[in-house]
Amino acid sequence: MEVDRDPARTDLRTRDQRLQHAQRQCSAGQLQDLNFEIGHGECVALVGPNGAGKSTILSLIAGLSPPDEGRVEVNGRVAAMLELGSGFHYDLTGEENALLNSSLLGLTRQEAKAAIPGIVEFAGLGEFIREPLRTYSTGMVMRLAFAVAVHVDPDILLIDEVLAVGDQQFQKRCFERIHAFRQAGKTLVFVSHATELLRELCDRAIWLDHGRLVHDGPLGEVLDAYARKA
């Protein structure tokens, strides 16, 4: 199957990006003059130590934290899996949360309703979909969040460590769906400390430290340089 990748068509671009106050700050408390582009169909890993600014960048791309200076340009629908359960309301049922989040991600009410059966099946929630989220386990919340994210047909998918949660069977379904997204030419941005996962999925890596870009290049080259530094 031909994969639709076109780095010349830019899906993400940051310009002179600065952020001094964010919900999840890097260890320096700010991002400094970040400039990078991510082309259509690329699968990019953000790597670096804890507090480097990786999750903050995902929040900026998702539109959750506007930069203090500079700008972030995004072309297409973004689905973000950041903090587990972020954006969910725990007194609402799983179905109500799925409808609400699907609508927030750009689906019409009719499209959101039509997506529910697929979301329930993918998440494996069965009748629990009609129960309040406060009755869910951590794994059930993660399964619902991932199912919603992949069923809104995003152009850009942001994933921050959440694939570490859940049983092996569900993780297998997640990886299969991510591979399908890659084949379909979706743009993927990962934050993970699981280097084997990144080597399997990504082509390119951006290494960050203290809110600054250290190295941007082919995945293996960046991971090897980061390992030597660490």
C-alpha atoms as a PDB file:
ATOM      1  CA  MET A   1       0.000   0.000   0.000  1.00  0.00           C
ATOM      2  CA  GLU A   2       1.323   3.431  -0.887  1.00  0.00           C
ATOM      3  CA  VAL A   3       1.764   5.728   2.077  1.00  0.00           C
ATOM      4  CA  ASP A   4       0.725   9.354   1.590  1.00  0.00           C
ATOM      5  CA  ARG A   5       3.707  11.254   2.980  1.00  0.00           C
ATOM      6  CA  ASP A   6       4.553  14.693   1.673  1.00  0.00           C
ATOM      7  CA  PRO A   7       7.071  16.571   3.862  1.00  0.00           C
ATOM      8  CA  ALA A   8       6.739  19.504   1.457  1.00  0.00           C
ATOM      9  CA  ARG A   9       3.157  19.914   2.661  1.00  0.00           C
ATOM     10  CA  THR A  10       3.493  21.249   6.186  1.00  0.00           C
ATOM     11  CA  ASP A  11       0.956  20.166   8.792  1.00  0.00           C
ATOM     12  CA  LEU A  12       2.687  21.787  11.792  1.00  0.00           C
ATOM     13  CA  ARG A  13       4.958  24.806  12.053  1.00  0.00           C
ATOM     14  CA  THR A  14       6.291  26.732  15.047  1.00  0.00           C
ATOM     15  CA  ARG A  15       7.891  30.158  14.765  1.00  0.00           C
ATOM     16  CA  ASP A  16       9.985  31.824  17.503  1.00  0.00           C
ATOM     17  CA  GLN A  17       7.877  30.012  20.044  1.00  0.00           C
ATOM     18  CA  ARG A  18       8.163  31.205  23.628  1.00  0.00           C
ATOM     19  CA  LEU A  19       6.118  30.157  26.627  1.00  0.00           C
ATOM     20  CA  GLN A  20       6.858  31.315  30.143  1.00  0.00           C
ATOM     21  CA  HIS A  21       3.788  30.129  32.025  1.00  0.00           C
ATOM     22  CA  ALA A  22       2.159  26.793  31.235  1.00  0.00           C
ATOM     23  CA  GLN A  23       0.167  24.225  33.147  1.00  0.00           C
ATOM     24  CA  ARG A  24       2.993  21.758  32.636  1.00  0.00           C
ATOM     25  CA  GLN A  25       6.217  23.744  32.609  1.00  0.00           C
ATOM     26  CA  CYS A  26       9.610  22.566  31.527  1.00  0.00           C
ATOM     27  CA  SER A  27      12.372  22.652  34.137  1.00  0.00           C
ATOM     28  CA  ALA A  28      13.589  26.031  32.906  1.00  0.00           C
ATOM     29  CA  GLY A  29      10.034  27.339  33.264  1.00  0.00           C
ATOM     30  CA  GLN A  30       9.835  28.359  29.607  1.00  0.00           C
ATOM     31  CA  LEU A  31      10.264  27.414  25.983  1.00  0.00           C
ATOM     32  CA  GLN A  32      12.909  29.386  24.117  1.00  0.00           C
ATOM     33  CA  ASP A  33      12.713  30.377  20.441  1.00  0.00           C
ATOM     34  CA  LEU A  34      11.583  26.995  19.138  1.00  0.00           C
ATOM     35  CA  ASN A  35      11.409  26.717  15.357  1.00  0.00           C
ATOM     36  CA  PHE A  36      10.504  23.504  13.562  1.00  0.00           C
ATOM     37  CA  GLU A  37       8.137  22.126  10.938  1.00  0.00           C
ATOM     38  CA  ILE A  38       6.461  18.732  10.653  1.00  0.00           C
ATOM     39  CA  GLY A  39       5.392  17.667   7.179  1.00  0.00           C
ATOM     40  CA  HIS A  40       2.224  15.872   6.163  1.00  0.00           C
ATOM     41  CA  GLY A  41       2.416  12.143   6.962  1.00  0.00           C
ATOM     42  CA  GLU A  42       5.507  12.351   9.169  1.00  0.00           C
ATOM     43  CA  CYS A  43       5.749  10.397  12.418  1.00  0.00           C
ATOM     44  CA  VAL A  44       7.915  12.416  14.804  1.00  0.00           C
ATOM     45  CA  ALA A  45       9.155  11.648  18.316  1.00  0.00           C
ATOM     46  CA  LEU A  46       9.821  14.368  20.881  1.00  0.00           C
ATOM     47  CA  VAL A  47      12.609  13.160  23.166  1.00  0.00           C
ATOM     48  CA  GLY A  48      14.462  14.587  26.126  1.00  0.00           C
ATOM     49  CA  PRO A  49      14.611  14.377  29.914  1.00  0.00           C
ATOM     50  CA  ASN A  50      11.641  14.999  32.168  1.00  0.00           C
ATOM     51  CA  GLY A  51      10.881  18.712  32.229  1.00  0.00           C
ATOM     52  CA  ALA A  52      12.420  19.348  28.799  1.00  0.00           C
ATOM     53  CA  GLY A  53       9.219  20.862  27.412  1.00  0.00           C
ATOM     54  CA  LYS A  54       7.907  17.916  25.373  1.00  0.00           C
ATOM     55  CA  SER A  55       4.409  17.808  26.878  1.00  0.00           C
ATOM     56  CA  THR A  56       4.232  21.601  26.816  1.00  0.00           C
ATOM     57  CA  ILE A  57       4.828  21.549  23.061  1.00  0.00           C
ATOM     58  CA  LEU A  58       2.016  19.036  22.577  1.00  0.00           C
ATOM     59  CA  SER A  59      -0.272  21.335  24.574  1.00  0.00           C
ATOM     60  CA  LEU A  60       0.686  24.221  22.296  1.00  0.00           C
ATOM     61  CA  ILE A  61       0.015  22.185  19.155  1.00  0.00           C
ATOM     62  CA  ALA A  62      -3.345  21.072  20.572  1.00  0.00           C
ATOM     63  CA  GLY A  63      -4.268  24.694  21.266  1.00  0.00           C
ATOM     64  CA  LEU A  64      -4.486  24.190  25.022  1.00  0.00           C
ATOM     65  CA  SER A  65      -1.696  26.665  25.879  1.00  0.00           C
ATOM     66  CA  PRO A  66      -1.175  29.616  23.512  1.00  0.00           C
ATOM     67  CA  PRO A  67       2.447  30.804  23.299  1.00  0.00           C
ATOM     68  CA  ASP A  68       3.469  34.073  24.927  1.00  0.00           C
ATOM     69  CA  GLU A  69       5.386  34.969  21.767  1.00  0.00           C
ATOM     70  CA  GLY A  70       5.636  33.546  18.265  1.00  0.00           C
ATOM     71  CA  ARG A  71       2.999  31.367  16.695  1.00  0.00           C
ATOM     72  CA  VAL A  72       1.957  27.792  16.050  1.00  0.00           C
ATOM     73  CA  GLU A  73       0.431  26.953  12.663  1.00  0.00           C
ATOM     74  CA  VAL A  74      -1.649  23.780  12.418  1.00  0.00           C
ATOM     75  CA  ASN A  75      -3.300  22.491   9.245  1.00  0.00           C
ATOM     76  CA  GLY A  76      -5.978  19.876   9.866  1.00  0.00           C
ATOM     77  CA  ARG A  77      -7.999  18.332  12.683  1.00  0.00           C
ATOM     78  CA  VAL A  78      -5.962  17.554  15.807  1.00  0.00           C
ATOM     79  CA  ALA A  79      -6.743  14.793  18.296  1.00  0.00           C
ATOM     80  CA  ALA A  80      -4.587  14.826  21.426  1.00  0.00           C
ATOM     81  CA  MET A  81      -4.026  12.153  24.052  1.00  0.00           C
ATOM     82  CA  LEU A  82      -2.213  14.073  26.738  1.00  0.00           C
ATOM     83  CA  GLU A  83      -2.912  13.744  30.456  1.00  0.00           C
ATOM     84  CA  LEU A  84      -5.073  10.698  31.075  1.00  0.00           C
ATOM     85  CA  GLY A  85      -8.724  11.702  31.139  1.00  0.00           C
ATOM     86  CA  SER A  86      -8.072  15.374  30.429  1.00  0.00           C
ATOM     87  CA  GLY A  87     -11.181  16.928  28.941  1.00  0.00           C
ATOM     88  CA  PHE A  88     -13.432  14.274  30.443  1.00  0.00           C
ATOM     89  CA  HIS A  89     -16.194  14.977  32.961  1.00  0.00           C
ATOM     90  CA  TYR A  90     -16.315  12.240  35.567  1.00  0.00           C
ATOM     91  CA  ASP A  91     -19.976  12.712  36.486  1.00  0.00           C
ATOM     92  CA  LEU A  92     -21.029  12.116  32.871  1.00  0.00           C
ATOM     93  CA  THR A  93     -21.347   8.659  31.361  1.00  0.00           C
ATOM     94  CA  GLY A  94     -18.764   7.260  28.990  1.00  0.00           C
ATOM     95  CA  GLU A  95     -21.163   7.776  26.091  1.00  0.00           C
ATOM     96  CA  GLU A  96     -21.852  11.394  27.069  1.00  0.00           C
ATOM     97  CA  ASN A  97     -18.115  12.048  27.312  1.00  0.00           C
ATOM     98  CA  ALA A  98     -17.527  10.412  23.936  1.00  0.00           C
ATOM     99  CA  LEU A  99     -20.227  12.548  22.316  1.00  0.00           C
ATOM    100  CA  LEU A 100     -18.934  15.739  23.937  1.00  0.00           C
ATOM    101  CA  ASN A 101     -15.286  15.140  23.065  1.00  0.00           C
ATOM    102  CA  SER A 102     -16.092  14.040  19.518  1.00  0.00           C
ATOM    103  CA  SER A 103     -18.016  17.281  19.040  1.00  0.00           C
ATOM    104  CA  LEU A 104     -15.155  19.333  20.493  1.00  0.00           C
ATOM    105  CA  LEU A 105     -12.801  17.612  18.035  1.00  0.00           C
ATOM    106  CA  GLY A 106     -14.908  18.746  15.105  1.00  0.00           C
ATOM    107  CA  LEU A 107     -17.588  16.130  14.471  1.00  0.00           C
ATOM    108  CA  THR A 108     -21.195  17.160  14.016  1.00  0.00           C
ATOM    109  CA  ARG A 109     -23.709  15.829  16.526  1.00  0.00           C
ATOM    110  CA  GLN A 110     -24.898  13.307  13.949  1.00  0.00           C
ATOM    111  CA  GLU A 111     -21.339  12.203  13.135  1.00  0.00           C
ATOM    112  CA  ALA A 112     -20.528  11.880  16.843  1.00  0.00           C
ATOM    113  CA  LYS A 113     -23.573   9.664  17.433  1.00  0.00           C
ATOM    114  CA  ALA A 114     -22.663   7.513  14.438  1.00  0.00           C
ATOM    115  CA  ALA A 115     -19.147   7.030  15.858  1.00  0.00           C
ATOM    116  CA  ILE A 116     -20.348   5.699  19.237  1.00  0.00           C
ATOM    117  CA  PRO A 117     -20.717   1.993  18.274  1.00  0.00           C
ATOM    118  CA  GLY A 118     -17.172   1.922  16.888  1.00  0.00           C
ATOM    119  CA  ILE A 119     -15.822   3.718  19.960  1.00  0.00           C
ATOM    120  CA  VAL A 120     -17.542   1.255  22.311  1.00  0.00           C
ATOM    121  CA  GLU A 121     -16.294  -1.761  20.360  1.00  0.00           C
ATOM    122  CA  PHE A 122     -12.714  -0.484  20.113  1.00  0.00           C
ATOM    123  CA  ALA A 123     -12.582   0.431  23.810  1.00  0.00           C
ATOM    124  CA  GLY A 124     -14.196  -2.859  24.832  1.00  0.00           C
ATOM    125  CA  LEU A 125     -16.453  -1.111  27.349  1.00  0.00           C
ATOM    126  CA  GLY A 126     -19.754  -2.843  26.589  1.00  0.00           C
ATOM    127  CA  GLU A 127     -22.548  -1.723  28.908  1.00  0.00           C
ATOM    128  CA  PHE A 128     -20.073   0.329  30.968  1.00  0.00           C
ATOM    129  CA  ILE A 129     -20.390   3.024  28.292  1.00  0.00           C
ATOM    130  CA  ARG A 130     -23.627   4.068  30.049  1.00  0.00           C
ATOM    131  CA  GLU A 131     -21.993   4.296  33.488  1.00  0.00           C
ATOM    132  CA  PRO A 132     -20.487   7.501  34.976  1.00  0.00           C
ATOM    133  CA  LEU A 133     -16.789   7.885  34.309  1.00  0.00           C
ATOM    134  CA  ARG A 134     -16.102   8.064  38.053  1.00  0.00           C
ATOM    135  CA  THR A 135     -16.868   4.324  38.178  1.00  0.00           C
ATOM    136  CA  TYR A 136     -14.175   3.541  35.572  1.00  0.00           C
ATOM    137  CA  SER A 137     -10.719   2.169  36.248  1.00  0.00           C
ATOM    138  CA  THR A 138      -7.681   4.053  34.945  1.00  0.00           C
ATOM    139  CA  GLY A 139      -7.365   1.564  32.097  1.00  0.00           C
ATOM    140  CA  MET A 140     -11.006   2.015  31.081  1.00  0.00           C
ATOM    141  CA  VAL A 141     -10.597   5.804  30.940  1.00  0.00           C
ATOM    142  CA  MET A 142      -7.507   5.419  28.755  1.00  0.00           C
ATOM    143  CA  ARG A 143      -9.280   2.998  26.428  1.00  0.00           C
ATOM    144  CA  LEU A 144     -12.188   5.400  26.014  1.00  0.00           C
ATOM    145  CA  ALA A 145      -9.857   8.363  25.399  1.00  0.00           C
ATOM    146  CA  PHE A 146      -7.867   6.514  22.743  1.00  0.00           C
ATOM    147  CA  ALA A 147     -11.016   5.171  21.069  1.00  0.00           C
ATOM    148  CA  VAL A 148     -12.496   8.670  20.801  1.00  0.00           C
ATOM    149  CA  ALA A 149      -9.230  10.119  19.458  1.00  0.00           C
ATOM    150  CA  VAL A 150      -8.893   7.588  16.650  1.00  0.00           C
ATOM    151  CA  HIS A 151     -12.581   7.578  15.680  1.00  0.00           C
ATOM    152  CA  VAL A 152     -12.802  11.312  14.921  1.00  0.00           C
ATOM    153  CA  ASP A 153     -10.525  10.710  11.914  1.00  0.00           C
ATOM    154  CA  PRO A 154      -7.855  13.272  12.878  1.00  0.00           C
ATOM    155  CA  ASP A 155      -5.297  14.603  10.440  1.00  0.00           C
ATOM    156  CA  ILE A 156      -2.811  14.997  13.300  1.00  0.00           C
ATOM    157  CA  LEU A 157      -2.607  12.685  16.327  1.00  0.00           C
ATOM    158  CA  LEU A 158      -0.640  13.706  19.436  1.00  0.00           C
ATOM    159  CA  ILE A 159       0.231  10.969  21.951  1.00  0.00           C
ATOM    160  CA  ASP A 160       1.927  11.625  25.301  1.00  0.00           C
ATOM    161  CA  GLU A 161       3.043   8.424  27.089  1.00  0.00           C
ATOM    162  CA  VAL A 162      -0.531   7.121  27.449  1.00  0.00           C
ATOM    163  CA  LEU A 163       0.153   3.887  25.545  1.00  0.00           C
ATOM    164  CA  ALA A 164       1.900   2.625  28.675  1.00  0.00           C
ATOM    165  CA  VAL A 165      -1.559   2.213  30.238  1.00  0.00           C
ATOM    166  CA  GLY A 166      -3.851  -0.716  29.437  1.00  0.00           C
ATOM    167  CA  ASP A 167      -3.567  -4.459  28.928  1.00  0.00           C
ATOM    168  CA  GLN A 168      -1.518  -6.088  26.173  1.00  0.00           C
ATOM    169  CA  GLN A 169      -4.547  -6.901  24.035  1.00  0.00           C
ATOM    170  CA  PHE A 170      -5.669  -3.287  23.984  1.00  0.00           C
ATOM    171  CA  GLN A 171      -2.137  -2.036  23.374  1.00  0.00           C
ATOM    172  CA  LYS A 172      -1.991  -4.364  20.358  1.00  0.00           C
ATOM    173  CA  ARG A 173      -5.189  -2.784  18.986  1.00  0.00           C
ATOM    174  CA  CYS A 174      -3.713   0.674  19.568  1.00  0.00           C
ATOM    175  CA  PHE A 175      -0.513  -0.163  17.681  1.00  0.00           C
ATOM    176  CA  GLU A 176      -2.502  -1.669  14.816  1.00  0.00           C
ATOM    177  CA  ARG A 177      -4.577   1.498  14.550  1.00  0.00           C
ATOM    178  CA  ILE A 178      -1.464   3.703  14.707  1.00  0.00           C
ATOM    179  CA  HIS A 179       0.141   1.670  11.907  1.00  0.00           C
ATOM    180  CA  ALA A 180      -3.079   2.081   9.899  1.00  0.00           C
ATOM    181  CA  PHE A 181      -2.905   5.838  10.487  1.00  0.00           C
ATOM    182  CA  ARG A 182       0.669   5.845   9.209  1.00  0.00           C
ATOM    183  CA  GLN A 183      -0.379   3.973   6.081  1.00  0.00           C
ATOM    184  CA  ALA A 184      -3.174   6.506   5.560  1.00  0.00           C
ATOM    185  CA  GLY A 185      -0.683   9.388   5.688  1.00  0.00           C
ATOM    186  CA  LYS A 186      -1.745  10.852   9.027  1.00  0.00           C
ATOM    187  CA  THR A 187       0.709  13.054  10.910  1.00  0.00           C
ATOM    188  CA  LEU A 188       1.748  11.605  14.288  1.00  0.00           C
ATOM    189  CA  VAL A 189       3.700  13.224  17.122  1.00  0.00           C
ATOM    190  CA  PHE A 190       4.809  11.036  20.041  1.00  0.00           C
ATOM    191  CA  VAL A 191       6.239  11.689  23.474  1.00  0.00           C
ATOM    192  CA  SER A 192       7.571   8.495  25.026  1.00  0.00           C
ATOM    193  CA  HIS A 193      10.572   7.199  26.945  1.00  0.00           C
ATOM    194  CA  ALA A 194      10.051   3.781  25.291  1.00  0.00           C
ATOM    195  CA  THR A 195      12.789   3.957  22.663  1.00  0.00           C
ATOM    196  CA  GLU A 196      11.882   0.592  21.107  1.00  0.00           C
ATOM    197  CA  LEU A 197       8.365   1.881  20.470  1.00  0.00           C
ATOM    198  CA  LEU A 198       9.746   5.052  18.902  1.00  0.00           C
ATOM    199  CA  ARG A 199      12.139   3.083  16.691  1.00  0.00           C
ATOM    200  CA  GLU A 200       9.221   0.973  15.469  1.00  0.00           C
ATOM    201  CA  LEU A 201       6.892   3.869  14.706  1.00  0.00           C
ATOM    202  CA  CYS A 202       8.835   7.068  14.010  1.00  0.00           C
ATOM    203  CA  ASP A 203      11.125   8.331  11.250  1.00  0.00           C
ATOM    204  CA  ARG A 204      12.360  11.509  12.869  1.00  0.00           C
ATOM    205  CA  ALA A 205      13.055  12.856  16.348  1.00  0.00           C
ATOM    206  CA  ILE A 206      13.298  16.295  17.923  1.00  0.00           C
ATOM    207  CA  TRP A 207      15.487  16.382  21.043  1.00  0.00           C
ATOM    208  CA  LEU A 208      14.593  19.035  23.601  1.00  0.00           C
ATOM    209  CA  ASP A 209      16.328  20.108  26.790  1.00  0.00           C
ATOM    210  CA  HIS A 210      15.351  22.954  29.131  1.00  0.00           C
ATOM    211  CA  GLY A 211      12.872  24.286  26.590  1.00  0.00           C
ATOM    212  CA  ARG A 212      15.408  24.462  23.764  1.00  0.00           C
ATOM    213  CA  LEU A 213      15.817  22.411  20.590  1.00  0.00           C
ATOM    214  CA  VAL A 214      19.072  20.427  20.782  1.00  0.00           C
ATOM    215  CA  HIS A 215      18.892  18.208  17.697  1.00  0.00           C
ATOM    216  CA  ASP A 216      16.337  17.592  14.933  1.00  0.00           C
ATOM    217  CA  GLY A 217      16.992  14.767  12.488  1.00  0.00           C
ATOM    218  CA  PRO A 218      16.568  11.087  11.584  1.00  0.00           C
ATOM    219  CA  LEU A 219      15.272   9.072  14.525  1.00  0.00           C
ATOM    220  CA  GLY A 220      18.233   6.737  14.959  1.00  0.00           C
ATOM    221  CA  GLU A 221      20.743   9.571  14.750  1.00  0.00           C
ATOM    222  CA  VAL A 222      18.931  11.663  17.370  1.00  0.00           C
ATOM    223  CA  LEU A 223      18.264   8.751  19.751  1.00  0.00           C
ATOM    224  CA  ASP A 224      21.899   7.650  19.589  1.00  0.00           C
ATOM    225  CA  ALA A 225      23.125  11.196  20.280  1.00  0.00           C
ATOM    226  CA  TYR A 226      20.659  11.558  23.163  1.00  0.00           C
ATOM    227  CA  ALA A 227      21.754   8.209  24.647  1.00  0.00           C
ATOM    228  CA  ARG A 228      25.402   9.288  24.549  1.00  0.00           C
ATOM    229  CA  LYS A 229      24.543  12.569  26.279  1.00  0.00           C
ATOM    230  CA  ALA A 230      22.426  10.845  28.927  1.00  0.00           C
END
